[in-house]
Structures are given as structure tokens and as C-alpha cells.
Amino acid sequence: MATPPEPFEMTDIQARPRSPPTPLVTLSDLKESSISPTFWYRVHVLLFDLKNFNNASSKKRLDKVTDPSYIDKPYFSPEEAEKIKNIVTDTSGKTFSETLEEGLNERLERRKKKRVQSGDFRVCAAHDLAPLIASALGIDLKQMEKDKDFAKVVEEKGLNLRGEIWGGLKKKSFAPKNKRR
């Protein structure tokens, strides 16, 4: 017959008074650049690069970047990465990390069913990661792809805006495209 486990003693961590909760970072905090003036722009550059990972224009842009610090520089500092992982992405209180993990797990389950014979379960940056990240952060990838001015800024500046202020993606136009009278 199995004996019940012994009750464990309270550890140092459990005995410490609880520290005040860290303030929640929201999507509006990211958009309003309370973290960094270029943070929201760099999120868009990350998505642009993921979406165009194997695209020749993306490779050409990275090849012609003259700022050597860009090549080895990550998109975000460790502190910024922690903040983005913990932002609340929806009204249920889910964090970005939880949303991304849930989305990747769903895609992996679908892949397991479809690709059993090939055994190829790899994640695609353009088709898997970019849409999940964009959706979690409320970014319209189709709008980003249509915004030629944004693509031009990314091609010219890369991650470093060099003091310029980025006004965001162009707003959607709901006007009819072929207005005939």
C-alpha cells in the first residue's frame, strides 16, 4: 500500500511577502511607444522580414545595409523582448507568449495530420510565424504588404530610423477603387 507524501516545509520563496504585481503592458502601450520610440516600427520590420524571409528583395535589403551594427543587432533588447512576451493581447488576459504558443500548437496538430508520410513538420516564418504574431498584435499583414512607403522605409533604414518618426502603416481606404460615373 502506497504511503501518502509527506507535507513539505515552507521554502524561503513562499515565506517572502508578495511583491507588488508588475504593471501590465498592453497593445496600446506598444503602439504609443511607451517602451521605446521605435518599438512599434521594429515590430513591423520583424513581421516584414518574416513575411519576406525567402524573398529576393528582403535578401537584397539585408545585403546592402551599410550600418554594420544592424547585421548583428537583434530586433529587440532582452528587456523589450520580456515586455512583448508578457503583454496582454486580449480581453481574457492571455499574454502574447500564451497566444503564440497556443497558435503554434494548433498549427503543429494540423501539420501532424497532414504530413505524417513526409515527416516534415517544420514551421514556416512567412506562413506560420508572421500571421500568428501579426494577429496577436493586431497588425494587418495585407495592409502592411500593400504599404509601399513602409517597404521603402524598411529598405532604406532597416531597423534604425536614425531619428525619423514613423507614423505607422497607411490607413485602409474604403473608397471604391474604380469610381465610374
N, C-alpha and C. Protein backbone atom coordinates (compact mmCIF):
# COMPACT_ATOMS: atom_id res chain seq x y z
N MET A 1 0.84 -1.16 0.00
CA MET A 1 0.00 0.00 0.00
C MET A 1 0.90 1.24 0.00
N ALA A 2 0.57 2.18 -0.87
CA ALA A 2 1.38 3.40 -1.01
C ALA A 2 1.12 4.34 0.16
N THR A 3 2.18 4.96 0.61
CA THR A 3 2.02 5.92 1.71
C THR A 3 1.86 7.31 1.12
N PRO A 4 1.05 8.13 1.75
CA PRO A 4 0.86 9.50 1.23
C PRO A 4 2.15 10.29 1.37
N PRO A 5 2.37 11.24 0.46
CA PRO A 5 3.58 12.05 0.53
C PRO A 5 3.60 12.88 1.80
N GLU A 6 4.80 13.12 2.29
CA GLU A 6 4.97 13.96 3.47
C GLU A 6 4.66 15.41 3.11
N PRO A 7 4.02 16.15 4.01
CA PRO A 7 3.81 17.58 3.74
C PRO A 7 5.18 18.26 3.69
N PHE A 8 5.35 19.14 2.72
CA PHE A 8 6.65 19.79 2.60
C PHE A 8 6.68 21.07 3.41
N GLU A 9 7.91 21.46 3.74
CA GLU A 9 8.09 22.66 4.54
C GLU A 9 8.02 23.89 3.64
N MET A 10 7.67 25.02 4.27
CA MET A 10 7.58 26.26 3.53
C MET A 10 9.01 26.70 3.14
N THR A 11 9.19 27.04 1.90
CA THR A 11 10.51 27.47 1.43
C THR A 11 10.66 28.97 1.62
N ASP A 12 11.89 29.43 1.41
CA ASP A 12 12.17 30.87 1.51
C ASP A 12 11.26 31.68 0.60
N ILE A 13 11.10 31.20 -0.61
CA ILE A 13 10.31 31.96 -1.58
C ILE A 13 8.87 32.07 -1.11
N GLN A 14 8.31 31.00 -0.59
CA GLN A 14 6.94 31.04 -0.12
C GLN A 14 6.80 31.92 1.12
N ALA A 15 7.83 32.01 1.94
CA ALA A 15 7.77 32.78 3.17
C ALA A 15 7.89 34.28 2.91
N ARG A 16 8.47 34.67 1.79
CA ARG A 16 8.65 36.10 1.49
C ARG A 16 7.30 36.76 1.24
N PRO A 17 7.20 38.02 1.64
CA PRO A 17 5.95 38.74 1.32
C PRO A 17 5.88 38.92 -0.21
N ARG A 18 4.67 38.88 -0.71
CA ARG A 18 4.50 39.03 -2.15
C ARG A 18 4.85 40.44 -2.58
N SER A 19 5.62 40.51 -3.68
CA SER A 19 5.96 41.82 -4.22
C SER A 19 4.76 42.33 -5.01
N PRO A 20 4.66 43.64 -5.16
CA PRO A 20 3.51 44.17 -5.90
C PRO A 20 3.55 43.67 -7.34
N PRO A 21 2.39 43.42 -7.92
CA PRO A 21 2.37 42.90 -9.29
C PRO A 21 2.97 43.91 -10.25
N THR A 22 3.67 43.38 -11.25
CA THR A 22 4.24 44.27 -12.24
C THR A 22 3.12 44.82 -13.10
N PRO A 23 3.22 46.08 -13.51
CA PRO A 23 2.14 46.66 -14.30
C PRO A 23 2.02 45.94 -15.64
N LEU A 24 0.80 45.74 -16.07
CA LEU A 24 0.55 45.07 -17.34
C LEU A 24 0.89 46.00 -18.49
N VAL A 25 1.53 45.43 -19.50
CA VAL A 25 1.81 46.19 -20.71
C VAL A 25 0.74 45.78 -21.71
N THR A 26 0.13 46.76 -22.34
CA THR A 26 -0.94 46.48 -23.29
C THR A 26 -0.50 46.81 -24.71
N LEU A 27 -1.32 46.41 -25.67
CA LEU A 27 -1.02 46.73 -27.06
C LEU A 27 -0.95 48.23 -27.29
N SER A 28 -1.80 48.99 -26.61
CA SER A 28 -1.75 50.44 -26.80
C SER A 28 -0.44 51.01 -26.27
N ASP A 29 0.14 50.40 -25.23
CA ASP A 29 1.46 50.83 -24.75
C ASP A 29 2.50 50.64 -25.85
N LEU A 30 2.41 49.52 -26.57
CA LEU A 30 3.36 49.27 -27.65
C LEU A 30 3.19 50.27 -28.78
N LYS A 31 1.94 50.48 -29.16
CA LYS A 31 1.65 51.38 -30.27
C LYS A 31 2.02 52.81 -29.96
N GLU A 32 1.84 53.19 -28.71
CA GLU A 32 2.13 54.56 -28.31
C GLU A 32 3.59 54.76 -27.92
N SER A 33 4.39 53.74 -28.13
CA SER A 33 5.83 53.80 -27.91
C SER A 33 6.23 54.19 -26.50
N SER A 34 5.48 53.70 -25.50
CA SER A 34 5.89 53.99 -24.13
C SER A 34 7.12 53.18 -23.76
N ILE A 35 7.42 52.14 -24.53
CA ILE A 35 8.59 51.31 -24.27
C ILE A 35 9.81 51.93 -24.93
N SER A 36 9.66 52.30 -26.19
CA SER A 36 10.75 52.90 -26.97
C SER A 36 10.11 53.63 -28.15
N PRO A 37 10.69 54.74 -28.59
CA PRO A 37 10.09 55.48 -29.71
C PRO A 37 10.04 54.68 -31.02
N THR A 38 10.91 53.69 -31.16
CA THR A 38 10.94 52.93 -32.41
C THR A 38 10.41 51.51 -32.24
N PHE A 39 9.88 51.18 -31.09
CA PHE A 39 9.49 49.81 -30.80
C PHE A 39 8.44 49.29 -31.78
N TRP A 40 7.36 50.02 -31.97
CA TRP A 40 6.27 49.57 -32.84
C TRP A 40 6.75 49.43 -34.28
N TYR A 41 7.62 50.33 -34.69
CA TYR A 41 8.22 50.23 -36.03
C TYR A 41 9.03 48.94 -36.15
N ARG A 42 9.85 48.63 -35.13
CA ARG A 42 10.68 47.42 -35.18
C ARG A 42 9.84 46.14 -35.17
N VAL A 43 8.69 46.17 -34.51
CA VAL A 43 7.77 45.03 -34.57
C VAL A 43 7.34 44.82 -36.02
N HIS A 44 7.02 45.91 -36.70
CA HIS A 44 6.60 45.82 -38.10
C HIS A 44 7.75 45.34 -38.99
N VAL A 45 8.97 45.78 -38.72
CA VAL A 45 10.12 45.33 -39.51
C VAL A 45 10.33 43.83 -39.31
N LEU A 46 10.18 43.37 -38.08
CA LEU A 46 10.30 41.93 -37.81
C LEU A 46 9.28 41.16 -38.65
N LEU A 47 8.03 41.61 -38.64
CA LEU A 47 6.99 40.95 -39.42
C LEU A 47 7.29 41.02 -40.92
N PHE A 48 7.76 42.17 -41.37
CA PHE A 48 8.12 42.34 -42.77
C PHE A 48 9.21 41.33 -43.16
N ASP A 49 10.22 41.21 -42.31
CA ASP A 49 11.31 40.27 -42.60
C ASP A 49 10.84 38.81 -42.53
N LEU A 50 10.00 38.49 -41.57
CA LEU A 50 9.47 37.12 -41.50
C LEU A 50 8.64 36.80 -42.74
N LYS A 51 7.80 37.74 -43.13
CA LYS A 51 6.93 37.53 -44.27
C LYS A 51 7.73 37.41 -45.57
N ASN A 52 8.85 38.09 -45.65
CA ASN A 52 9.66 38.11 -46.87
C ASN A 52 10.97 37.35 -46.71
N PHE A 53 10.98 36.38 -45.82
CA PHE A 53 12.21 35.68 -45.45
C PHE A 53 12.99 35.14 -46.65
N ASN A 54 12.32 34.48 -47.56
CA ASN A 54 13.00 33.92 -48.74
C ASN A 54 12.85 34.79 -49.97
N ASN A 55 12.33 35.98 -49.78
CA ASN A 55 12.10 36.89 -50.89
C ASN A 55 13.43 37.55 -51.29
N ALA A 56 13.67 37.66 -52.57
CA ALA A 56 14.93 38.24 -53.08
C ALA A 56 15.09 39.69 -52.63
N SER A 57 14.00 40.47 -52.57
CA SER A 57 14.13 41.88 -52.18
C SER A 57 14.55 42.00 -50.72
N SER A 58 14.10 41.07 -49.87
CA SER A 58 14.49 41.10 -48.47
C SER A 58 15.98 40.79 -48.34
N LYS A 59 16.46 39.79 -49.08
CA LYS A 59 17.88 39.46 -49.05
C LYS A 59 18.71 40.62 -49.58
N LYS A 60 18.21 41.24 -50.65
CA LYS A 60 18.92 42.38 -51.24
C LYS A 60 19.02 43.52 -50.23
N ARG A 61 17.93 43.76 -49.49
CA ARG A 61 17.93 44.82 -48.48
C ARG A 61 18.96 44.52 -47.40
N LEU A 62 18.99 43.30 -46.93
CA LEU A 62 19.95 42.95 -45.89
C LEU A 62 21.37 43.01 -46.40
N ASP A 63 21.58 42.68 -47.68
CA ASP A 63 22.92 42.73 -48.26
C ASP A 63 23.44 44.15 -48.40
N LYS A 64 22.54 45.10 -48.67
CA LYS A 64 23.01 46.45 -48.92
C LYS A 64 22.96 47.37 -47.70
N VAL A 65 22.56 46.84 -46.55
CA VAL A 65 22.55 47.65 -45.34
C VAL A 65 23.98 48.06 -45.02
N THR A 66 24.18 49.36 -44.88
CA THR A 66 25.53 49.87 -44.66
C THR A 66 25.90 49.98 -43.18
N ASP A 67 24.91 49.95 -42.32
CA ASP A 67 25.17 50.05 -40.89
C ASP A 67 25.56 48.67 -40.36
N PRO A 68 26.85 48.44 -40.06
CA PRO A 68 27.28 47.10 -39.62
C PRO A 68 26.64 46.66 -38.31
N SER A 69 26.21 47.60 -37.48
CA SER A 69 25.59 47.21 -36.22
C SER A 69 24.22 46.57 -36.46
N TYR A 70 23.61 46.84 -37.61
CA TYR A 70 22.30 46.26 -37.91
C TYR A 70 22.39 44.76 -38.11
N ILE A 71 23.44 44.32 -38.74
CA ILE A 71 23.55 42.93 -39.13
C ILE A 71 23.58 42.01 -37.90
N ASP A 72 24.27 42.40 -36.85
CA ASP A 72 24.35 41.56 -35.66
C ASP A 72 23.38 41.99 -34.58
N LYS A 73 22.62 43.03 -34.82
CA LYS A 73 21.74 43.58 -33.80
C LYS A 73 20.38 42.87 -33.82
N PRO A 74 19.91 42.43 -32.67
CA PRO A 74 18.58 41.83 -32.64
C PRO A 74 17.51 42.91 -32.78
N TYR A 75 16.31 42.50 -33.09
CA TYR A 75 15.21 43.45 -33.24
C TYR A 75 14.89 44.14 -31.92
N PHE A 76 15.06 43.40 -30.81
CA PHE A 76 14.67 43.93 -29.50
C PHE A 76 15.73 43.61 -28.46
N SER A 77 15.85 44.48 -27.48
CA SER A 77 16.74 44.22 -26.35
C SER A 77 16.10 43.11 -25.50
N PRO A 78 16.87 42.48 -24.61
CA PRO A 78 16.27 41.45 -23.74
C PRO A 78 15.10 42.00 -22.90
N GLU A 79 15.21 43.25 -22.45
CA GLU A 79 14.13 43.85 -21.66
C GLU A 79 12.88 44.05 -22.52
N GLU A 80 13.08 44.51 -23.75
CA GLU A 80 11.94 44.70 -24.65
C GLU A 80 11.29 43.36 -24.99
N ALA A 81 12.12 42.34 -25.20
CA ALA A 81 11.59 41.01 -25.51
C ALA A 81 10.74 40.49 -24.36
N GLU A 82 11.17 40.71 -23.13
CA GLU A 82 10.39 40.30 -21.97
C GLU A 82 9.06 41.02 -21.93
N LYS A 83 9.09 42.33 -22.24
CA LYS A 83 7.85 43.10 -22.21
C LYS A 83 6.87 42.61 -23.26
N ILE A 84 7.36 42.34 -24.46
CA ILE A 84 6.45 41.90 -25.52
C ILE A 84 5.91 40.51 -25.21
N LYS A 85 6.70 39.65 -24.60
CA LYS A 85 6.23 38.31 -24.25
C LYS A 85 5.08 38.38 -23.26
N ASN A 86 5.09 39.39 -22.41
CA ASN A 86 4.11 39.47 -21.33
C ASN A 86 2.97 40.45 -21.57
N ILE A 87 2.90 41.05 -22.76
CA ILE A 87 1.79 41.97 -22.98
C ILE A 87 0.49 41.18 -23.05
N VAL A 88 -0.56 41.81 -22.62
CA VAL A 88 -1.89 41.20 -22.66
C VAL A 88 -2.46 41.46 -24.04
N THR A 89 -2.82 40.37 -24.73
CA THR A 89 -3.26 40.51 -26.12
C THR A 89 -4.76 40.48 -26.32
N ASP A 90 -5.50 40.07 -25.30
CA ASP A 90 -6.95 40.05 -25.47
C ASP A 90 -7.65 40.27 -24.14
N THR A 91 -8.96 40.32 -24.20
CA THR A 91 -9.74 40.62 -23.00
C THR A 91 -9.76 39.47 -21.99
N SER A 92 -9.37 38.28 -22.43
CA SER A 92 -9.33 37.16 -21.48
C SER A 92 -8.08 37.19 -20.61
N GLY A 93 -7.15 38.08 -20.92
CA GLY A 93 -5.94 38.20 -20.11
C GLY A 93 -4.78 37.37 -20.61
N LYS A 94 -4.93 36.75 -21.79
CA LYS A 94 -3.84 35.95 -22.35
C LYS A 94 -2.68 36.84 -22.73
N THR A 95 -1.47 36.35 -22.46
CA THR A 95 -0.27 37.10 -22.85
C THR A 95 0.11 36.75 -24.28
N PHE A 96 1.00 37.55 -24.83
CA PHE A 96 1.50 37.31 -26.19
C PHE A 96 2.11 35.91 -26.28
N SER A 97 2.92 35.54 -25.30
CA SER A 97 3.56 34.22 -25.30
C SER A 97 2.53 33.10 -25.31
N GLU A 98 1.52 33.22 -24.49
CA GLU A 98 0.48 32.20 -24.44
C GLU A 98 -0.29 32.12 -25.76
N THR A 99 -0.59 33.26 -26.33
CA THR A 99 -1.30 33.30 -27.61
C THR A 99 -0.47 32.65 -28.70
N LEU A 100 0.81 32.99 -28.75
CA LEU A 100 1.70 32.44 -29.77
C LEU A 100 1.87 30.93 -29.59
N GLU A 101 2.07 30.49 -28.36
CA GLU A 101 2.22 29.06 -28.09
C GLU A 101 0.97 28.29 -28.49
N GLU A 102 -0.18 28.82 -28.14
CA GLU A 102 -1.45 28.18 -28.48
C GLU A 102 -1.61 28.08 -30.01
N GLY A 103 -1.30 29.16 -30.72
CA GLY A 103 -1.40 29.16 -32.17
C GLY A 103 -0.44 28.19 -32.83
N LEU A 104 0.79 28.14 -32.34
CA LEU A 104 1.77 27.21 -32.90
C LEU A 104 1.38 25.76 -32.62
N ASN A 105 0.83 25.50 -31.44
CA ASN A 105 0.38 24.14 -31.13
C ASN A 105 -0.76 23.71 -32.05
N GLU A 106 -1.69 24.62 -32.32
CA GLU A 106 -2.79 24.31 -33.24
C GLU A 106 -2.25 23.97 -34.63
N ARG A 107 -1.31 24.79 -35.10
CA ARG A 107 -0.74 24.55 -36.43
C ARG A 107 0.03 23.23 -36.46
N LEU A 108 0.75 22.92 -35.40
CA LEU A 108 1.50 21.68 -35.35
C LEU A 108 0.56 20.48 -35.38
N GLU A 109 -0.54 20.56 -34.67
CA GLU A 109 -1.52 19.46 -34.68
C GLU A 109 -2.07 19.25 -36.08
N ARG A 110 -2.39 20.35 -36.78
CA ARG A 110 -2.88 20.21 -38.15
C ARG A 110 -1.81 19.62 -39.05
N ARG A 111 -0.56 20.03 -38.84
CA ARG A 111 0.56 19.51 -39.64
C ARG A 111 0.76 18.03 -39.40
N LYS A 112 0.64 17.61 -38.16
CA LYS A 112 0.81 16.19 -37.83
C LYS A 112 -0.16 15.34 -38.63
N LYS A 113 -1.37 15.83 -38.78
CA LYS A 113 -2.39 15.09 -39.52
C LYS A 113 -2.09 15.08 -41.02
N LYS A 114 -1.61 16.21 -41.54
CA LYS A 114 -1.41 16.34 -42.98
C LYS A 114 -0.10 15.73 -43.47
N ARG A 115 0.94 15.81 -42.66
CA ARG A 115 2.28 15.46 -43.14
C ARG A 115 2.88 14.25 -42.48
N VAL A 116 2.07 13.31 -42.14
CA VAL A 116 2.55 12.12 -41.48
C VAL A 116 3.54 11.37 -42.35
N GLN A 117 3.22 11.21 -43.62
CA GLN A 117 4.08 10.43 -44.50
C GLN A 117 5.41 11.12 -44.77
N SER A 118 5.39 12.45 -44.99
CA SER A 118 6.64 13.15 -45.29
C SER A 118 7.48 13.36 -44.04
N GLY A 119 6.82 13.47 -42.90
CA GLY A 119 7.54 13.72 -41.65
C GLY A 119 8.08 15.14 -41.55
N ASP A 120 7.65 16.04 -42.43
CA ASP A 120 8.12 17.42 -42.44
C ASP A 120 7.16 18.28 -41.63
N PHE A 121 7.54 18.60 -40.41
CA PHE A 121 6.67 19.37 -39.53
C PHE A 121 7.25 20.76 -39.25
N ARG A 122 8.16 21.21 -40.10
CA ARG A 122 8.82 22.49 -39.87
C ARG A 122 7.84 23.67 -39.87
N VAL A 123 8.21 24.69 -39.12
CA VAL A 123 7.43 25.92 -39.06
C VAL A 123 7.97 26.87 -40.12
N CYS A 124 7.08 27.51 -40.85
CA CYS A 124 7.48 28.46 -41.89
C CYS A 124 7.34 29.88 -41.34
N ALA A 125 8.40 30.66 -41.49
CA ALA A 125 8.39 32.04 -40.99
C ALA A 125 7.29 32.86 -41.65
N ALA A 126 7.16 32.75 -42.96
CA ALA A 126 6.20 33.58 -43.69
C ALA A 126 4.76 33.11 -43.50
N HIS A 127 4.55 31.81 -43.45
CA HIS A 127 3.18 31.30 -43.41
C HIS A 127 2.68 30.93 -42.01
N ASP A 128 3.56 30.71 -41.07
CA ASP A 128 3.16 30.32 -39.73
C ASP A 128 3.43 31.42 -38.70
N LEU A 129 4.67 31.82 -38.57
CA LEU A 129 5.04 32.79 -37.52
C LEU A 129 4.47 34.18 -37.77
N ALA A 130 4.69 34.73 -38.96
CA ALA A 130 4.25 36.10 -39.24
C ALA A 130 2.75 36.29 -39.01
N PRO A 131 1.89 35.42 -39.55
CA PRO A 131 0.46 35.63 -39.30
C PRO A 131 0.06 35.50 -37.83
N LEU A 132 0.69 34.59 -37.10
CA LEU A 132 0.37 34.44 -35.67
C LEU A 132 0.77 35.68 -34.88
N ILE A 133 1.98 36.16 -35.13
CA ILE A 133 2.46 37.36 -34.41
C ILE A 133 1.60 38.56 -34.77
N ALA A 134 1.33 38.72 -36.06
CA ALA A 134 0.52 39.86 -36.52
C ALA A 134 -0.88 39.82 -35.90
N SER A 135 -1.48 38.66 -35.89
CA SER A 135 -2.82 38.53 -35.33
C SER A 135 -2.83 38.85 -33.84
N ALA A 136 -1.85 38.34 -33.12
CA ALA A 136 -1.78 38.58 -31.67
C ALA A 136 -1.58 40.07 -31.36
N LEU A 137 -0.87 40.77 -32.25
CA LEU A 137 -0.57 42.18 -32.01
C LEU A 137 -1.52 43.13 -32.74
N GLY A 138 -2.50 42.57 -33.44
CA GLY A 138 -3.48 43.41 -34.12
C GLY A 138 -2.94 44.14 -35.33
N ILE A 139 -2.01 43.51 -36.04
CA ILE A 139 -1.41 44.12 -37.23
C ILE A 139 -1.97 43.43 -38.46
N ASP A 140 -2.39 44.21 -39.43
CA ASP A 140 -2.96 43.69 -40.68
C ASP A 140 -1.82 43.46 -41.67
N LEU A 141 -1.46 42.19 -41.88
CA LEU A 141 -0.35 41.87 -42.79
C LEU A 141 -0.63 42.28 -44.22
N LYS A 142 -1.88 42.14 -44.66
CA LYS A 142 -2.22 42.53 -46.03
C LYS A 142 -2.03 44.03 -46.22
N GLN A 143 -2.42 44.79 -45.24
CA GLN A 143 -2.24 46.25 -45.30
C GLN A 143 -0.75 46.58 -45.31
N MET A 144 0.03 45.87 -44.50
CA MET A 144 1.47 46.10 -44.46
C MET A 144 2.10 45.80 -45.81
N GLU A 145 1.67 44.71 -46.45
CA GLU A 145 2.21 44.34 -47.75
C GLU A 145 1.86 45.36 -48.83
N LYS A 146 0.72 46.01 -48.70
CA LYS A 146 0.29 47.00 -49.69
C LYS A 146 0.96 48.36 -49.50
N ASP A 147 1.46 48.61 -48.30
CA ASP A 147 2.03 49.92 -47.97
C ASP A 147 3.44 50.06 -48.56
N LYS A 148 3.52 50.63 -49.74
CA LYS A 148 4.80 50.78 -50.45
C LYS A 148 5.73 51.74 -49.72
N ASP A 149 5.17 52.74 -49.06
CA ASP A 149 6.02 53.70 -48.31
C ASP A 149 6.73 53.00 -47.16
N PHE A 150 6.02 52.11 -46.48
CA PHE A 150 6.63 51.36 -45.39
C PHE A 150 7.76 50.48 -45.93
N ALA A 151 7.50 49.78 -47.03
CA ALA A 151 8.53 48.92 -47.63
C ALA A 151 9.76 49.74 -48.01
N LYS A 152 9.54 50.94 -48.51
CA LYS A 152 10.66 51.81 -48.89
C LYS A 152 11.48 52.23 -47.66
N VAL A 153 10.78 52.59 -46.58
CA VAL A 153 11.48 52.98 -45.34
C VAL A 153 12.28 51.81 -44.80
N VAL A 154 11.69 50.62 -44.81
CA VAL A 154 12.39 49.42 -44.31
C VAL A 154 13.62 49.15 -45.17
N GLU A 155 13.46 49.28 -46.48
CA GLU A 155 14.59 49.03 -47.37
C GLU A 155 15.71 50.04 -47.16
N GLU A 156 15.36 51.30 -46.95
CA GLU A 156 16.37 52.35 -46.78
C GLU A 156 16.98 52.38 -45.39
N LYS A 157 16.16 52.18 -44.37
CA LYS A 157 16.61 52.39 -42.99
C LYS A 157 16.85 51.10 -42.20
N GLY A 158 16.23 50.01 -42.59
CA GLY A 158 16.36 48.81 -41.78
C GLY A 158 15.73 49.03 -40.43
N LEU A 159 16.40 48.63 -39.37
CA LEU A 159 15.87 48.79 -38.00
C LEU A 159 16.10 50.19 -37.44
N ASN A 160 17.08 50.90 -37.97
CA ASN A 160 17.47 52.18 -37.40
C ASN A 160 16.83 53.33 -38.18
N LEU A 161 15.85 53.97 -37.59
CA LEU A 161 15.18 55.09 -38.24
C LEU A 161 16.03 56.35 -38.26
N ARG A 162 17.12 56.33 -37.52
CA ARG A 162 18.05 57.46 -37.48
C ARG A 162 17.34 58.78 -37.18
N GLY A 163 16.54 58.77 -36.14
CA GLY A 163 15.88 60.00 -35.69
C GLY A 163 14.56 60.31 -36.37
N GLU A 164 14.23 59.63 -37.44
CA GLU A 164 12.95 59.88 -38.11
C GLU A 164 11.82 59.32 -37.26
N ILE A 165 10.66 59.87 -37.47
CA ILE A 165 9.48 59.38 -36.77
C ILE A 165 8.61 58.65 -37.78
N TRP A 166 8.24 57.42 -37.43
CA TRP A 166 7.40 56.62 -38.30
C TRP A 166 5.96 56.80 -37.88
N GLY A 167 5.12 57.15 -38.81
CA GLY A 167 3.72 57.43 -38.50
C GLY A 167 2.80 56.23 -38.55
N GLY A 168 3.34 55.06 -38.79
CA GLY A 168 2.51 53.86 -38.87
C GLY A 168 2.14 53.51 -40.29
N LEU A 169 1.47 52.40 -40.44
CA LEU A 169 1.02 51.98 -41.76
C LEU A 169 -0.06 52.92 -42.26
N LYS A 170 -0.18 52.99 -43.58
CA LYS A 170 -1.26 53.79 -44.15
C LYS A 170 -2.59 53.20 -43.71
N LYS A 171 -3.52 54.04 -43.49
CA LYS A 171 -4.86 53.58 -43.10
C LYS A 171 -5.56 52.99 -44.31
N LYS A 172 -6.44 52.03 -44.05
CA LYS A 172 -7.22 51.43 -45.12
C LYS A 172 -8.13 52.47 -45.74
N SER A 173 -8.22 52.41 -47.05
CA SER A 173 -9.16 53.26 -47.74
C SER A 173 -10.39 52.45 -48.09
N PHE A 174 -11.53 52.98 -47.71
CA PHE A 174 -12.77 52.28 -48.01
C PHE A 174 -13.46 52.85 -49.24
N ALA A 175 -12.78 53.79 -49.90
CA ALA A 175 -13.34 54.36 -51.11
C ALA A 175 -13.27 53.32 -52.24
N PRO A 176 -14.27 53.32 -53.12
CA PRO A 176 -14.23 52.37 -54.23
C PRO A 176 -13.03 52.64 -55.13
N LYS A 177 -12.42 51.56 -55.62
CA LYS A 177 -11.21 51.70 -56.44
C LYS A 177 -11.51 52.20 -57.84
N ASN A 178 -12.55 51.70 -58.45
CA ASN A 178 -12.90 52.09 -59.82
C ASN A 178 -14.19 52.89 -59.79
N LYS A 179 -14.04 54.15 -59.57
CA LYS A 179 -15.20 55.01 -59.46
C LYS A 179 -15.59 55.48 -60.86
N ARG A 180 -16.67 54.91 -61.40
CA ARG A 180 -17.14 55.31 -62.72
C ARG A 180 -18.45 56.06 -62.57
N ARG A 181 -18.58 57.06 -63.38
CA ARG A 181 -19.81 57.86 -63.33
C ARG A 181 -20.67 57.64 -64.52
